[in-house]
Amino acid sequence: MKITTKIGLGGGCHWCTEAVFQAVKGVENVEQGYIASEGDAREFSEAVIVHFHPEIVSSEDLIRIHLHTHNSTSDHSFRKKYRSAVYYFSSEDEKVVKKILEKLQPEFEKKIITEVLPFKEFKPSRESLQNYYRKNPDAPFCKRFIEPKLKKVKNYF
């Protein structure tokens, strides 16, 4: 029996994030919705929970993919809605995620702004938005924003 674990990821639109991680080998399930943390990050922000098999795909690989498929190095006016974050589920995970971000920083010219935050609460997206790319692969949004990210995942990861 394969063991699964999970990680929360937020960055850009959750339609995009969901589609990216649904395309990764070793990912069993992607829950699309909104994650709340604590402090300044207590408001819900678009994100996904990725359930994965660590013997097939590592948390480092998932975080690398996440950083390279959203704008993880610059702030913008929509950061509250699209918080760049990795959400952890245990204090052990927090340490691991921080080390991974330090290790991956040299892959970027600018400083990574992605936050490492405790997971507090999840609200799923309404049903009509879930699996958006799978349901609407020919939609203009999918062609313009999701497909380039999927191509990047296929070519580099």
Foldseek 3Di string as FASTA:
>chain_A
DFDKDKKKFFADAQLQVLLQLVLDPFWDHKFWFWFAFDDVRRDTATIIMTIGGCVRPNPLNVVLLRPVQHPQFDDDPCCNRGPGEMEDADPVVLVVVVVSQVVCQVVDPGRGPYYYGHTDDTDGDPPCSPPVCVVCVPDPCNVVRRVVSNVCSVVPD
